Amino acid sequence: MEVLEQGYGEISPYPHRIDDGGYGAIPLYVYKDLDTEEYREITDNLPIHPSQNFEEAWRAVPEHKCSARSRRAALREWELRKEEYGVGDEFLRRSYCCYVLTQEGKVEPRFIATPSTWLQSDNPKVRDYSFNDALENLKAVEERRRAAAEKRRREEQEERDQAEREEAAAAYREQDPEAKRFYDDAFKSEKSLSLEEKIKSVNAYFSYMGDHFGHI
């Protein structure tokens, strides 16, 4: 493809239409923070070869909106959102493609937002599944993951604590013949015991250990 001297990148096979005012042009909001160091650092160093995730997201854009300028604006917003929210390319791809899927078959392609529009927070032009919705879903998923990880951590700690108590109790029994006798009667007796006798022996063991060793 031919390359524009102005630095817009490759010419799209779907150039913006002259008769559609502003179509395909980079919107004014893109330039609103042009004087900030963060904006210049990101937009002056856009990747020459965008990630595969960006390319896949861009392929979901309606063809008539795929101008070189709108693509560059999308890449700007893509990189800015990654920097601002600490999200990854895969998340942005999945989220934008999910948005497009919610719109296909419901609205005309011209009403489907390009990534540069969709990636704006609270943009009134975006319906059904906004960037904010995607962030909320991500937050909910991360909270569930954290809760599950914390639950696993507590369970594993409880198992370690129980193992340590049982090891300490076994060591104590080796030093206390009476404790060992109660333990053998409760758990190692070769005699045939009724359920009532079994419960009585177990209770006697734990009662003795509670008085002399502590909780096990």
Protein backbone atom coordinates (compact mmCIF):
# COMPACT_ATOMS: atom_id res chain seq x y z
CA MET A 1 0.00 0.00 0.00
CA GLU A 2 1.04 3.63 -0.56
CA VAL A 3 2.28 5.50 2.49
CA LEU A 4 1.11 9.04 3.24
CA GLU A 5 3.86 11.63 3.65
CA GLN A 6 1.90 13.32 6.45
CA GLY A 7 2.53 10.35 8.70
CA TYR A 8 -0.97 8.89 8.80
CA GLY A 9 0.36 5.46 7.89
CA GLU A 10 -0.97 3.18 5.19
CA ILE A 11 -3.79 4.36 2.96
CA SER A 12 -6.93 2.38 3.66
CA PRO A 13 -8.77 0.75 0.78
CA TYR A 14 -11.81 2.50 2.29
CA PRO A 15 -10.87 6.23 2.31
CA HIS A 16 -13.18 8.60 4.12
CA ARG A 17 -15.91 10.16 2.03
CA ILE A 18 -15.56 13.81 1.06
CA ASP A 19 -19.30 14.41 1.13
CA ASP A 20 -19.64 13.29 4.75
CA GLY A 21 -18.52 16.20 6.89
CA GLY A 22 -15.81 15.11 9.28
CA TYR A 23 -16.09 11.47 8.29
CA GLY A 24 -12.92 9.59 8.98
CA ALA A 25 -11.22 12.66 10.44
CA ILE A 26 -9.55 12.45 13.83
CA PRO A 27 -12.08 13.94 16.28
CA LEU A 28 -11.21 17.11 18.17
CA TYR A 29 -11.12 15.35 21.56
CA VAL A 30 -8.03 13.47 20.38
CA TYR A 31 -6.13 16.75 20.51
CA LYS A 32 -7.50 18.06 23.80
CA ASP A 33 -4.52 16.91 25.88
CA LEU A 34 -1.90 17.45 23.20
CA ASP A 35 0.25 19.60 25.47
CA THR A 36 0.54 17.06 28.27
CA GLU A 37 3.75 15.08 28.63
CA GLU A 38 1.85 11.80 29.00
CA TYR A 39 -0.12 12.35 25.80
CA ARG A 40 2.96 13.30 23.77
CA GLU A 41 4.90 10.33 25.12
CA ILE A 42 2.21 7.89 24.02
CA THR A 43 1.03 9.45 20.77
CA ASP A 44 4.49 10.37 19.54
CA ASN A 45 5.56 6.77 19.97
CA LEU A 46 2.71 4.77 18.54
CA PRO A 47 3.86 1.26 17.63
CA ILE A 48 4.88 0.83 14.01
CA HIS A 49 3.43 -2.67 14.10
CA PRO A 50 0.35 -2.73 16.36
CA SER A 51 -0.38 -5.90 18.31
CA GLN A 52 -2.27 -8.80 16.79
CA ASN A 53 -5.10 -8.06 19.22
CA PHE A 54 -5.44 -4.52 17.86
CA GLU A 55 -5.43 -5.81 14.31
CA GLU A 56 -8.18 -8.31 15.13
CA ALA A 57 -10.23 -5.59 16.80
CA TRP A 58 -9.73 -3.32 13.79
CA ARG A 59 -11.00 -6.02 11.45
CA ALA A 60 -14.28 -5.88 13.38
CA VAL A 61 -14.77 -2.21 12.38
CA PRO A 62 -17.36 -1.69 9.62
CA GLU A 63 -15.48 -1.48 6.33
CA HIS A 64 -16.77 1.95 5.34
CA LYS A 65 -15.24 3.40 8.52
CA CYS A 66 -11.79 1.93 7.98
CA SER A 67 -9.89 5.05 6.94
CA ALA A 68 -6.21 5.48 7.71
CA ARG A 69 -6.97 8.46 9.91
CA SER A 70 -9.61 6.69 11.96
CA ARG A 71 -7.27 3.73 12.35
CA ARG A 72 -4.54 5.96 13.73
CA ALA A 73 -7.02 7.65 16.07
CA ALA A 74 -8.13 4.21 17.25
CA LEU A 75 -4.54 3.19 17.91
CA ARG A 76 -3.98 6.38 19.91
CA GLU A 77 -6.98 5.72 22.11
CA TRP A 78 -6.01 2.04 22.40
CA GLU A 79 -2.56 2.92 23.75
CA LEU A 80 -3.94 5.66 26.02
CA ARG A 81 -6.49 3.33 27.62
CA LYS A 82 -3.81 0.70 28.22
CA GLU A 83 -1.69 3.32 29.97
CA GLU A 84 -4.58 4.86 31.92
CA TYR A 85 -6.25 1.68 33.17
CA GLY A 86 -3.41 -0.81 33.07
CA VAL A 87 -5.38 -3.20 30.85
CA GLY A 88 -3.96 -5.45 28.16
CA ASP A 89 -4.42 -5.79 24.43
CA GLU A 90 -6.41 -8.99 24.78
CA PHE A 91 -8.91 -7.37 27.13
CA LEU A 92 -9.41 -4.44 24.75
CA ARG A 93 -9.84 -6.78 21.78
CA ARG A 94 -12.35 -9.05 23.51
CA SER A 95 -14.29 -6.09 24.86
CA TYR A 96 -14.51 -4.16 21.61
CA CYS A 97 -15.43 -7.26 19.60
CA CYS A 98 -18.10 -8.03 22.20
CA TYR A 99 -19.50 -4.53 21.67
CA VAL A 100 -19.58 -5.01 17.90
CA LEU A 101 -21.40 -8.33 18.32
CA THR A 102 -24.06 -6.63 20.45
CA GLN A 103 -24.68 -4.16 17.62
CA GLU A 104 -24.56 -6.36 14.54
CA GLY A 105 -28.05 -7.17 13.35
CA LYS A 106 -29.54 -4.50 15.64
CA VAL A 107 -28.28 -1.27 14.10
CA GLU A 108 -26.93 -0.12 10.76
CA PRO A 109 -23.13 -0.42 10.42
CA ARG A 110 -22.81 3.38 10.34
CA PHE A 111 -24.01 3.46 13.94
CA ILE A 112 -21.35 1.04 15.17
CA ALA A 113 -18.61 3.05 16.86
CA THR A 114 -14.97 2.72 15.87
CA PRO A 115 -12.50 1.93 18.68
CA SER A 116 -11.51 5.62 18.99
CA THR A 117 -15.13 6.43 19.90
CA TRP A 118 -15.89 3.27 21.86
CA LEU A 119 -12.83 3.66 24.07
CA GLN A 120 -14.08 6.98 25.42
CA SER A 121 -15.68 6.69 28.85
CA ASP A 122 -19.40 7.47 29.03
CA ASN A 123 -19.67 8.28 25.33
CA PRO A 124 -23.40 8.78 24.60
CA LYS A 125 -22.91 7.42 21.08
CA VAL A 126 -22.11 3.98 22.48
CA ARG A 127 -25.06 1.81 23.44
CA ASP A 128 -25.59 -1.62 25.01
CA TYR A 129 -21.96 -2.36 25.87
CA SER A 130 -19.64 0.55 26.58
CA PHE A 131 -15.99 0.66 27.57
CA ASN A 132 -17.14 1.40 31.11
CA ASP A 133 -19.28 -1.74 31.05
CA ALA A 134 -16.23 -3.73 30.00
CA LEU A 135 -14.21 -2.23 32.86
CA GLU A 136 -16.96 -3.07 35.35
CA ASN A 137 -17.08 -6.65 34.08
CA LEU A 138 -13.31 -6.89 34.40
CA LYS A 139 -13.49 -5.53 37.94
CA ALA A 140 -16.16 -8.07 38.87
CA VAL A 141 -14.11 -10.93 37.40
CA GLU A 142 -10.99 -9.80 39.24
CA GLU A 143 -12.91 -9.51 42.52
CA ARG A 144 -14.23 -13.05 42.10
CA ARG A 145 -10.73 -14.28 41.36
CA ARG A 146 -9.33 -12.49 44.40
CA ALA A 147 -12.09 -13.90 46.60
CA ALA A 148 -11.44 -17.42 45.29
CA ALA A 149 -7.70 -17.01 45.78
CA GLU A 150 -8.21 -15.74 49.33
CA LYS A 151 -10.51 -18.65 50.10
CA ARG A 152 -7.90 -21.12 48.81
CA ARG A 153 -5.21 -19.36 50.85
CA ARG A 154 -7.30 -19.61 54.05
CA GLU A 155 -8.10 -23.26 53.43
CA GLU A 156 -4.47 -24.10 52.76
CA GLN A 157 -3.40 -22.22 55.90
CA GLU A 158 -6.01 -24.05 57.96
CA GLU A 159 -4.71 -27.36 56.60
CA ARG A 160 -1.14 -26.41 57.51
CA ASP A 161 -2.22 -25.29 60.97
CA GLN A 162 -4.14 -28.53 61.53
CA ALA A 163 -1.18 -30.60 60.37
CA GLU A 164 1.10 -28.73 62.77
CA ARG A 165 -1.34 -29.26 65.67
CA GLU A 166 -1.61 -32.96 64.90
CA GLU A 167 2.18 -33.27 64.67
CA ALA A 168 2.59 -31.47 67.99
CA ALA A 169 -0.12 -33.65 69.58
CA ALA A 170 1.64 -36.80 68.35
CA ALA A 171 4.91 -35.58 69.83
CA TYR A 172 3.16 -34.85 73.13
CA ARG A 173 1.60 -38.32 73.24
CA GLU A 174 5.06 -39.84 72.96
CA GLN A 175 6.04 -38.01 76.13
CA ASP A 176 2.81 -38.66 78.07
CA PRO A 177 1.89 -42.36 78.48
CA GLU A 178 -1.58 -41.51 79.75
CA ALA A 179 -2.31 -39.44 76.66
CA LYS A 180 -1.08 -42.28 74.47
CA ARG A 181 -3.32 -44.75 76.30
CA PHE A 182 -6.40 -42.55 75.75
CA TYR A 183 -5.46 -42.16 72.09
CA ASP A 184 -5.01 -45.90 71.56
CA ASP A 185 -8.31 -46.65 73.27
CA ALA A 186 -10.10 -44.10 71.09
CA PHE A 187 -8.50 -44.78 67.71
CA LYS A 188 -6.42 -47.96 67.80
CA SER A 189 -8.35 -50.29 70.03
CA GLU A 190 -8.62 -53.82 68.68
CA LYS A 191 -11.63 -54.47 70.89
CA SER A 192 -15.05 -54.41 69.30
CA LEU A 193 -16.74 -51.33 70.75
CA SER A 194 -20.30 -50.21 70.52
CA LEU A 195 -20.94 -46.76 69.06
CA GLU A 196 -21.61 -45.43 72.55
CA GLU A 197 -18.32 -46.85 73.85
CA LYS A 198 -16.45 -45.47 70.86
CA ILE A 199 -17.84 -41.98 71.41
CA LYS A 200 -17.00 -42.21 75.12
CA SER A 201 -13.37 -43.18 74.36
CA VAL A 202 -12.95 -40.37 71.82
CA ASN A 203 -14.42 -37.81 74.22
CA ALA A 204 -12.14 -39.05 77.00
CA TYR A 205 -9.09 -38.60 74.76
CA PHE A 206 -9.99 -35.06 73.68
CA SER A 207 -10.93 -34.10 77.22
CA TYR A 208 -7.56 -35.28 78.53
CA MET A 209 -5.65 -33.54 75.74
CA GLY A 210 -7.64 -30.37 76.28
CA ASP A 211 -6.67 -30.32 79.96
CA HIS A 212 -3.00 -31.23 79.48
CA PHE A 213 -1.98 -30.25 75.94
CA GLY A 214 -4.43 -27.71 74.59
CA HIS A 215 -6.79 -27.57 71.64
CA ILE A 216 -6.18 -30.06 68.83
